[in-house]
Amino acid sequence: MKFIAEIDVMPLKEILDPQGKAVTGSMKNLGLSEIHNVRIGKHITLEVEAENEAVATEKVDTACKKLLANLIMEQYHFTLHQA
């Protein structure tokens, strides 16, 4: 079976996000001063072949832990659906 994973990787809330801070500052220049605390992360989409959803979930979780997210500075969340 083929599954599609939608993965969001974001910096931990305790970690300074310089890119998000710069974008937050730029909001004021655009007249959008009511927008605060912008956080910038990554969105990753991938396909995985697996026997079932449980195996696909395990494979995506392993990919996130070992390659796609730096667990010291980032957290991740993903959803999985059948292709």
PDB file of N, CA and C in Angstrom:
ATOM      1  N   MET A   1       0.838  -1.182   0.000  1.00  0.00           N
ATOM      2  CA  MET A   1       0.000   0.000   0.000  1.00  0.00           C
ATOM      3  C   MET A   1       0.883   1.245   0.000  1.00  0.00           C
ATOM      4  N   LYS A   2       0.351   2.285  -0.593  1.00  0.00           N
ATOM      5  CA  LYS A   2       1.082   3.542  -0.636  1.00  0.00           C
ATOM      6  C   LYS A   2       0.389   4.558   0.270  1.00  0.00           C
ATOM      7  N   PHE A   3       1.192   5.254   1.077  1.00  0.00           N
ATOM      8  CA  PHE A   3       0.684   6.272   1.981  1.00  0.00           C
ATOM      9  C   PHE A   3       1.379   7.595   1.709  1.00  0.00           C
ATOM     10  N   ILE A   4       0.689   8.681   2.009  1.00  0.00           N
ATOM     11  CA  ILE A   4       1.242  10.029   1.911  1.00  0.00           C
ATOM     12  C   ILE A   4       1.387  10.560   3.337  1.00  0.00           C
ATOM     13  N   ALA A   5       2.571  11.061   3.662  1.00  0.00           N
ATOM     14  CA  ALA A   5       2.810  11.669   4.968  1.00  0.00           C
ATOM     15  C   ALA A   5       2.983  13.170   4.780  1.00  0.00           C
ATOM     16  N   GLU A   6       2.314  13.937   5.612  1.00  0.00           N
ATOM     17  CA  GLU A   6       2.439  15.391   5.669  1.00  0.00           C
ATOM     18  C   GLU A   6       3.113  15.695   7.006  1.00  0.00           C
ATOM     19  N   ILE A   7       4.335  16.199   6.954  1.00  0.00           N
ATOM     20  CA  ILE A   7       5.152  16.381   8.159  1.00  0.00           C
ATOM     21  C   ILE A   7       5.418  17.868   8.378  1.00  0.00           C
ATOM     22  N   ASP A   8       5.215  18.330   9.603  1.00  0.00           N
ATOM     23  CA  ASP A   8       5.562  19.688   9.992  1.00  0.00           C
ATOM     24  C   ASP A   8       6.679  19.622  11.023  1.00  0.00           C
ATOM     25  N   VAL A   9       7.761  20.334  10.748  1.00  0.00           N
ATOM     26  CA  VAL A   9       8.904  20.405  11.660  1.00  0.00           C
ATOM     27  C   VAL A   9       9.030  21.861  12.103  1.00  0.00           C
ATOM     28  N   MET A  10       8.999  22.078  13.405  1.00  0.00           N
ATOM     29  CA  MET A  10       9.033  23.444  13.949  1.00  0.00           C
ATOM     30  C   MET A  10      10.095  23.535  15.037  1.00  0.00           C
ATOM     31  N   PRO A  11      10.687  24.731  15.190  1.00  0.00           N
ATOM     32  CA  PRO A  11      11.633  24.896  16.296  1.00  0.00           C
ATOM     33  C   PRO A  11      10.902  24.753  17.631  1.00  0.00           C
ATOM     34  N   LEU A  12      11.584  24.216  18.614  1.00  0.00           N
ATOM     35  CA  LEU A  12      11.006  24.123  19.952  1.00  0.00           C
ATOM     36  C   LEU A  12      10.665  25.525  20.442  1.00  0.00           C
ATOM     37  N   LYS A  13       9.616  25.638  21.232  1.00  0.00           N
ATOM     38  CA  LYS A  13       9.192  26.950  21.727  1.00  0.00           C
ATOM     39  C   LYS A  13      10.281  27.616  22.573  1.00  0.00           C
ATOM     40  N   GLU A  14      11.126  26.824  23.216  1.00  0.00           N
ATOM     41  CA  GLU A  14      12.184  27.358  24.072  1.00  0.00           C
ATOM     42  C   GLU A  14      13.363  27.904  23.263  1.00  0.00           C
ATOM     43  N   ILE A  15      13.427  27.575  21.982  1.00  0.00           N
ATOM     44  CA  ILE A  15      14.547  27.952  21.118  1.00  0.00           C
ATOM     45  C   ILE A  15      14.216  29.248  20.385  1.00  0.00           C
ATOM     46  N   LEU A  16      15.175  30.161  20.352  1.00  0.00           N
ATOM     47  CA  LEU A  16      15.016  31.395  19.598  1.00  0.00           C
ATOM     48  C   LEU A  16      14.883  31.062  18.112  1.00  0.00           C
ATOM     49  N   ASP A  17      13.943  31.718  17.451  1.00  0.00           N
ATOM     50  CA  ASP A  17      13.717  31.520  16.024  1.00  0.00           C
ATOM     51  C   ASP A  17      14.050  32.833  15.309  1.00  0.00           C
ATOM     52  N   PRO A  18      15.316  33.035  14.902  1.00  0.00           N
ATOM     53  CA  PRO A  18      15.707  34.305  14.300  1.00  0.00           C
ATOM     54  C   PRO A  18      14.932  34.645  13.027  1.00  0.00           C
ATOM     55  N   GLN A  19      14.633  33.646  12.218  1.00  0.00           N
ATOM     56  CA  GLN A  19      13.875  33.895  10.990  1.00  0.00           C
ATOM     57  C   GLN A  19      12.457  34.350  11.330  1.00  0.00           C
ATOM     58  N   GLY A  20      11.839  33.696  12.281  1.00  0.00           N
ATOM     59  CA  GLY A  20      10.502  34.084  12.714  1.00  0.00           C
ATOM     60  C   GLY A  20      10.491  35.471  13.335  1.00  0.00           C
ATOM     61  N   LYS A  21      11.540  35.777  14.092  1.00  0.00           N
ATOM     62  CA  LYS A  21      11.658  37.099  14.712  1.00  0.00           C
ATOM     63  C   LYS A  21      11.775  38.185  13.644  1.00  0.00           C
ATOM     64  N   ALA A  22      12.558  37.943  12.598  1.00  0.00           N
ATOM     65  CA  ALA A  22      12.708  38.902  11.503  1.00  0.00           C
ATOM     66  C   ALA A  22      11.377  39.122  10.780  1.00  0.00           C
ATOM     67  N   VAL A  23      10.636  38.054  10.548  1.00  0.00           N
ATOM     68  CA  VAL A  23       9.347  38.179   9.879  1.00  0.00           C
ATOM     69  C   VAL A  23       8.359  38.927  10.774  1.00  0.00           C
ATOM     70  N   THR A  24       8.380  38.650  12.070  1.00  0.00           N
ATOM     71  CA  THR A  24       7.520  39.368  13.006  1.00  0.00           C
ATOM     72  C   THR A  24       7.803  40.867  12.930  1.00  0.00           C
ATOM     73  N   GLY A  25       9.084  41.239  12.913  1.00  0.00           N
ATOM     74  CA  GLY A  25       9.457  42.644  12.806  1.00  0.00           C
ATOM     75  C   GLY A  25       8.997  43.270  11.505  1.00  0.00           C
ATOM     76  N   SER A  26       9.052  42.507  10.428  1.00  0.00           N
ATOM     77  CA  SER A  26       8.632  43.013   9.122  1.00  0.00           C
ATOM     78  C   SER A  26       7.124  43.228   9.043  1.00  0.00           C
ATOM     79  N   MET A  27       6.374  42.505   9.840  1.00  0.00           N
ATOM     80  CA  MET A  27       4.922  42.684   9.839  1.00  0.00           C
ATOM     81  C   MET A  27       4.561  44.127  10.189  1.00  0.00           C
ATOM     82  N   LYS A  28       5.291  44.712  11.134  1.00  0.00           N
ATOM     83  CA  LYS A  28       5.033  46.104  11.524  1.00  0.00           C
ATOM     84  C   LYS A  28       5.241  47.036  10.335  1.00  0.00           C
ATOM     85  N   ASN A  29       6.276  46.779   9.530  1.00  0.00           N
ATOM     86  CA  ASN A  29       6.550  47.604   8.351  1.00  0.00           C
ATOM     87  C   ASN A  29       5.447  47.494   7.304  1.00  0.00           C
ATOM     88  N   LEU A  30       4.715  46.399   7.319  1.00  0.00           N
ATOM     89  CA  LEU A  30       3.630  46.180   6.356  1.00  0.00           C
ATOM     90  C   LEU A  30       2.281  46.658   6.898  1.00  0.00           C
ATOM     91  N   GLY A  31       2.312  47.278   8.087  1.00  0.00           N
ATOM     92  CA  GLY A  31       1.064  47.728   8.692  1.00  0.00           C
ATOM     93  C   GLY A  31       0.282  46.611   9.344  1.00  0.00           C
ATOM     94  N   LEU A  32       0.959  45.521   9.684  1.00  0.00           N
ATOM     95  CA  LEU A  32       0.310  44.358  10.305  1.00  0.00           C
ATOM     96  C   LEU A  32       0.836  44.156  11.725  1.00  0.00           C
ATOM     97  N   SER A  33       0.845  45.225  12.512  1.00  0.00           N
ATOM     98  CA  SER A  33       1.438  45.172  13.849  1.00  0.00           C
ATOM     99  C   SER A  33       0.667  44.272  14.809  1.00  0.00           C
ATOM    100  N   GLU A  34      -0.537  43.851  14.418  1.00  0.00           N
ATOM    101  CA  GLU A  34      -1.295  42.946  15.282  1.00  0.00           C
ATOM    102  C   GLU A  34      -0.854  41.487  15.141  1.00  0.00           C
ATOM    103  N   ILE A  35       0.085  41.193  14.240  1.00  0.00           N
ATOM    104  CA  ILE A  35       0.627  39.836  14.088  1.00  0.00           C
ATOM    105  C   ILE A  35       1.902  39.728  14.914  1.00  0.00           C
ATOM    106  N   HIS A  36       1.958  38.724  15.790  1.00  0.00           N
ATOM    107  CA  HIS A  36       3.072  38.552  16.732  1.00  0.00           C
ATOM    108  C   HIS A  36       3.569  37.101  16.731  1.00  0.00           C
ATOM    109  N   ASN A  37       4.746  36.916  17.264  1.00  0.00           N
ATOM    110  CA  ASN A  37       5.297  35.585  17.554  1.00  0.00           C
ATOM    111  C   ASN A  37       5.266  34.630  16.355  1.00  0.00           C
ATOM    112  N   VAL A  38       5.743  35.087  15.215  1.00  0.00           N
ATOM    113  CA  VAL A  38       5.831  34.236  14.028  1.00  0.00           C
ATOM    114  C   VAL A  38       6.915  33.189  14.266  1.00  0.00           C
ATOM    115  N   ARG A  39       6.625  31.947  13.935  1.00  0.00           N
ATOM    116  CA  ARG A  39       7.597  30.853  14.011  1.00  0.00           C
ATOM    117  C   ARG A  39       7.701  30.258  12.614  1.00  0.00           C
ATOM    118  N   ILE A  40       8.908  30.049  12.139  1.00  0.00           N
ATOM    119  CA  ILE A  40       9.137  29.512  10.799  1.00  0.00           C
ATOM    120  C   ILE A  40       9.632  28.076  10.925  1.00  0.00           C
ATOM    121  N   GLY A  41       9.033  27.180  10.164  1.00  0.00           N
ATOM    122  CA  GLY A  41       9.434  25.781  10.187  1.00  0.00           C
ATOM    123  C   GLY A  41       9.472  25.210   8.777  1.00  0.00           C
ATOM    124  N   LYS A  42       9.382  23.893   8.695  1.00  0.00           N
ATOM    125  CA  LYS A  42       9.425  23.190   7.420  1.00  0.00           C
ATOM    126  C   LYS A  42       8.168  22.332   7.276  1.00  0.00           C
ATOM    127  N   HIS A  43       7.694  22.217   6.050  1.00  0.00           N
ATOM    128  CA  HIS A  43       6.617  21.284   5.739  1.00  0.00           C
ATOM    129  C   HIS A  43       7.165  20.305   4.708  1.00  0.00           C
ATOM    130  N   ILE A  44       7.058  19.030   5.006  1.00  0.00           N
ATOM    131  CA  ILE A  44       7.613  17.977   4.149  1.00  0.00           C
ATOM    132  C   ILE A  44       6.486  17.013   3.782  1.00  0.00           C
ATOM    133  N   THR A  45       6.404  16.689   2.510  1.00  0.00           N
ATOM    134  CA  THR A  45       5.451  15.682   2.039  1.00  0.00           C
ATOM    135  C   THR A  45       6.248  14.541   1.424  1.00  0.00           C
ATOM    136  N   LEU A  46       5.877  13.320   1.778  1.00  0.00           N
ATOM    137  CA  LEU A  46       6.555  12.167   1.191  1.00  0.00           C
ATOM    138  C   LEU A  46       5.593  11.014   1.025  1.00  0.00           C
ATOM    139  N   GLU A  47       5.978  10.087   0.156  1.00  0.00           N
ATOM    140  CA  GLU A  47       5.210   8.855  -0.060  1.00  0.00           C
ATOM    141  C   GLU A  47       5.986   7.704   0.558  1.00  0.00           C
ATOM    142  N   VAL A  48       5.258   6.770   1.132  1.00  0.00           N
ATOM    143  CA  VAL A  48       5.897   5.594   1.720  1.00  0.00           C
ATOM    144  C   VAL A  48       5.096   4.355   1.344  1.00  0.00           C
ATOM    145  N   GLU A  49       5.814   3.328   0.954  1.00  0.00           N
ATOM    146  CA  GLU A  49       5.208   2.021   0.674  1.00  0.00           C
ATOM    147  C   GLU A  49       5.302   1.188   1.948  1.00  0.00           C
ATOM    148  N   ALA A  50       4.180   0.629   2.359  1.00  0.00           N
ATOM    149  CA  ALA A  50       4.171  -0.202   3.570  1.00  0.00           C
ATOM    150  C   ALA A  50       2.994  -1.170   3.509  1.00  0.00           C
ATOM    151  N   GLU A  51       3.093  -2.241   4.294  1.00  0.00           N
ATOM    152  CA  GLU A  51       2.038  -3.255   4.314  1.00  0.00           C
ATOM    153  C   GLU A  51       0.734  -2.709   4.887  1.00  0.00           C
ATOM    154  N   ASN A  52       0.859  -1.807   5.878  1.00  0.00           N
ATOM    155  CA  ASN A  52      -0.329  -1.238   6.514  1.00  0.00           C
ATOM    156  C   ASN A  52       0.027   0.115   7.137  1.00  0.00           C
ATOM    157  N   GLU A  53      -0.967   0.775   7.712  1.00  0.00           N
ATOM    158  CA  GLU A  53      -0.771   2.118   8.255  1.00  0.00           C
ATOM    159  C   GLU A  53       0.175   2.130   9.456  1.00  0.00           C
ATOM    160  N   ALA A  54       0.125   1.092  10.269  1.00  0.00           N
ATOM    161  CA  ALA A  54       1.005   1.038  11.441  1.00  0.00           C
ATOM    162  C   ALA A  54       2.473   0.985  11.021  1.00  0.00           C
ATOM    163  N   VAL A  55       2.791   0.190  10.018  1.00  0.00           N
ATOM    164  CA  VAL A  55       4.158   0.087   9.521  1.00  0.00           C
ATOM    165  C   VAL A  55       4.580   1.411   8.866  1.00  0.00           C
ATOM    166  N   ALA A  56       3.683   2.017   8.114  1.00  0.00           N
ATOM    167  CA  ALA A  56       3.979   3.306   7.482  1.00  0.00           C
ATOM    168  C   ALA A  56       4.260   4.370   8.540  1.00  0.00           C
ATOM    169  N   THR A  57       3.463   4.382   9.593  1.00  0.00           N
ATOM    170  CA  THR A  57       3.663   5.337  10.689  1.00  0.00           C
ATOM    171  C   THR A  57       5.035   5.146  11.316  1.00  0.00           C
ATOM    172  N   GLU A  58       5.420   3.915  11.539  1.00  0.00           N
ATOM    173  CA  GLU A  58       6.733   3.618  12.129  1.00  0.00           C
ATOM    174  C   GLU A  58       7.863   4.094  11.219  1.00  0.00           C
ATOM    175  N   LYS A  59       7.727   3.867   9.923  1.00  0.00           N
ATOM    176  CA  LYS A  59       8.768   4.283   8.972  1.00  0.00           C
ATOM    177  C   LYS A  59       8.902   5.807   8.921  1.00  0.00           C
ATOM    178  N   VAL A  60       7.769   6.514   8.888  1.00  0.00           N
ATOM    179  CA  VAL A  60       7.808   7.983   8.846  1.00  0.00           C
ATOM    180  C   VAL A  60       8.388   8.522  10.152  1.00  0.00           C
ATOM    181  N   ASP A  61       7.987   7.953  11.268  1.00  0.00           N
ATOM    182  CA  ASP A  61       8.512   8.390  12.566  1.00  0.00           C
ATOM    183  C   ASP A  61      10.031   8.204  12.626  1.00  0.00           C
ATOM    184  N   THR A  62      10.522   7.091  12.120  1.00  0.00           N
ATOM    185  CA  THR A  62      11.970   6.844  12.084  1.00  0.00           C
ATOM    186  C   THR A  62      12.666   7.870  11.192  1.00  0.00           C
ATOM    187  N   ALA A  63      12.083   8.161  10.031  1.00  0.00           N
ATOM    188  CA  ALA A  63      12.675   9.161   9.129  1.00  0.00           C
ATOM    189  C   ALA A  63      12.746  10.530   9.805  1.00  0.00           C
ATOM    190  N   CYS A  64      11.707  10.884  10.526  1.00  0.00           N
ATOM    191  CA  CYS A  64      11.704  12.176  11.235  1.00  0.00           C
ATOM    192  C   CYS A  64      12.783  12.216  12.307  1.00  0.00           C
ATOM    193  N   LYS A  65      12.862  11.171  13.111  1.00  0.00           N
ATOM    194  CA  LYS A  65      13.825  11.136  14.221  1.00  0.00           C
ATOM    195  C   LYS A  65      15.267  11.088  13.736  1.00  0.00           C
ATOM    196  N   LYS A  66      15.531  10.364  12.652  1.00  0.00           N
ATOM    197  CA  LYS A  66      16.910  10.157  12.217  1.00  0.00           C
ATOM    198  C   LYS A  66      17.405  11.140  11.167  1.00  0.00           C
ATOM    199  N   LEU A  67      16.479  11.828  10.444  1.00  0.00           N
ATOM    200  CA  LEU A  67      16.934  12.672   9.346  1.00  0.00           C
ATOM    201  C   LEU A  67      16.209  14.010   9.224  1.00  0.00           C
ATOM    202  N   LEU A  68      14.901  14.003   9.298  1.00  0.00           N
ATOM    203  CA  LEU A  68      14.139  15.190   8.933  1.00  0.00           C
ATOM    204  C   LEU A  68      14.062  16.257  10.021  1.00  0.00           C
ATOM    205  N   ALA A  69      14.189  15.867  11.283  1.00  0.00           N
ATOM    206  CA  ALA A  69      14.113  16.827  12.387  1.00  0.00           C
ATOM    207  C   ALA A  69      15.346  16.693  13.281  1.00  0.00           C
ATOM    208  N   ASN A  70      15.830  17.819  13.744  1.00  0.00           N
ATOM    209  CA  ASN A  70      16.900  17.853  14.734  1.00  0.00           C
ATOM    210  C   ASN A  70      16.219  17.917  16.095  1.00  0.00           C
ATOM    211  N   LEU A  71      16.120  16.790  16.787  1.00  0.00           N
ATOM    212  CA  LEU A  71      15.322  16.697  18.003  1.00  0.00           C
ATOM    213  C   LEU A  71      15.869  17.545  19.152  1.00  0.00           C
ATOM    214  N   ILE A  72      17.081  18.022  19.043  1.00  0.00           N
ATOM    215  CA  ILE A  72      17.637  18.913  20.060  1.00  0.00           C
ATOM    216  C   ILE A  72      16.976  20.287  19.959  1.00  0.00           C
ATOM    217  N   MET A  73      16.642  20.706  18.739  1.00  0.00           N
ATOM    218  CA  MET A  73      16.118  22.053  18.520  1.00  0.00           C
ATOM    219  C   MET A  73      14.726  22.088  17.895  1.00  0.00           C
ATOM    220  N   GLU A  74      14.224  20.955  17.432  1.00  0.00           N
ATOM    221  CA  GLU A  74      12.965  20.950  16.698  1.00  0.00           C
ATOM    222  C   GLU A  74      12.025  19.865  17.205  1.00  0.00           C
ATOM    223  N   GLN A  75      10.758  20.085  16.949  1.00  0.00           N
ATOM    224  CA  GLN A  75       9.738  19.065  17.191  1.00  0.00           C
ATOM    225  C   GLN A  75       9.033  18.787  15.865  1.00  0.00           C
ATOM    226  N   TYR A  76       8.382  17.651  15.768  1.00  0.00           N
ATOM    227  CA  TYR A  76       7.685  17.331  14.526  1.00  0.00           C
ATOM    228  C   TYR A  76       6.326  16.717  14.832  1.00  0.00           C
ATOM    229  N   HIS A  77       5.472  16.822  13.842  1.00  0.00           N
ATOM    230  CA  HIS A  77       4.146  16.219  13.888  1.00  0.00           C
ATOM    231  C   HIS A  77       3.811  15.797  12.458  1.00  0.00           C
ATOM    232  N   PHE A  78       3.178  14.656  12.305  1.00  0.00           N
ATOM    233  CA  PHE A  78       2.797  14.262  10.949  1.00  0.00           C
ATOM    234  C   PHE A  78       1.429  13.606  10.922  1.00  0.00           C
ATOM    235  N   THR A  79       0.821  13.682   9.750  1.00  0.00           N
ATOM    236  CA  THR A  79      -0.412  12.963   9.481  1.00  0.00           C
ATOM    237  C   THR A  79      -0.137  12.023   8.317  1.00  0.00           C
ATOM    238  N   LEU A  80      -0.871  10.954   8.285  1.00  0.00           N
ATOM    239  CA  LEU A  80      -0.659   9.925   7.280  1.00  0.00           C
ATOM    240  C   LEU A  80      -2.011   9.573   6.681  1.00  0.00           C
ATOM    241  N   HIS A  81      -2.079   9.463   5.361  1.00  0.00           N
ATOM    242  CA  HIS A  81      -3.294   8.990   4.721  1.00  0.00           C
ATOM    243  C   HIS A  81      -2.934   8.129   3.511  1.00  0.00           C
ATOM    244  N   GLN A  82      -3.858   7.277   3.169  1.00  0.00           N
ATOM    245  CA  GLN A  82      -3.620   6.364   2.050  1.00  0.00           C
ATOM    246  C   GLN A  82      -3.658   7.131   0.739  1.00  0.00           C
ATOM    247  N   ALA A  83      -2.722   6.814  -0.144  1.00  0.00           N
ATOM    248  CA  ALA A  83      -2.637   7.507  -1.450  1.00  0.00           C
ATOM    249  C   ALA A  83      -3.723   7.012  -2.380  1.00  0.00           C
TER     250      ALA A  83
END
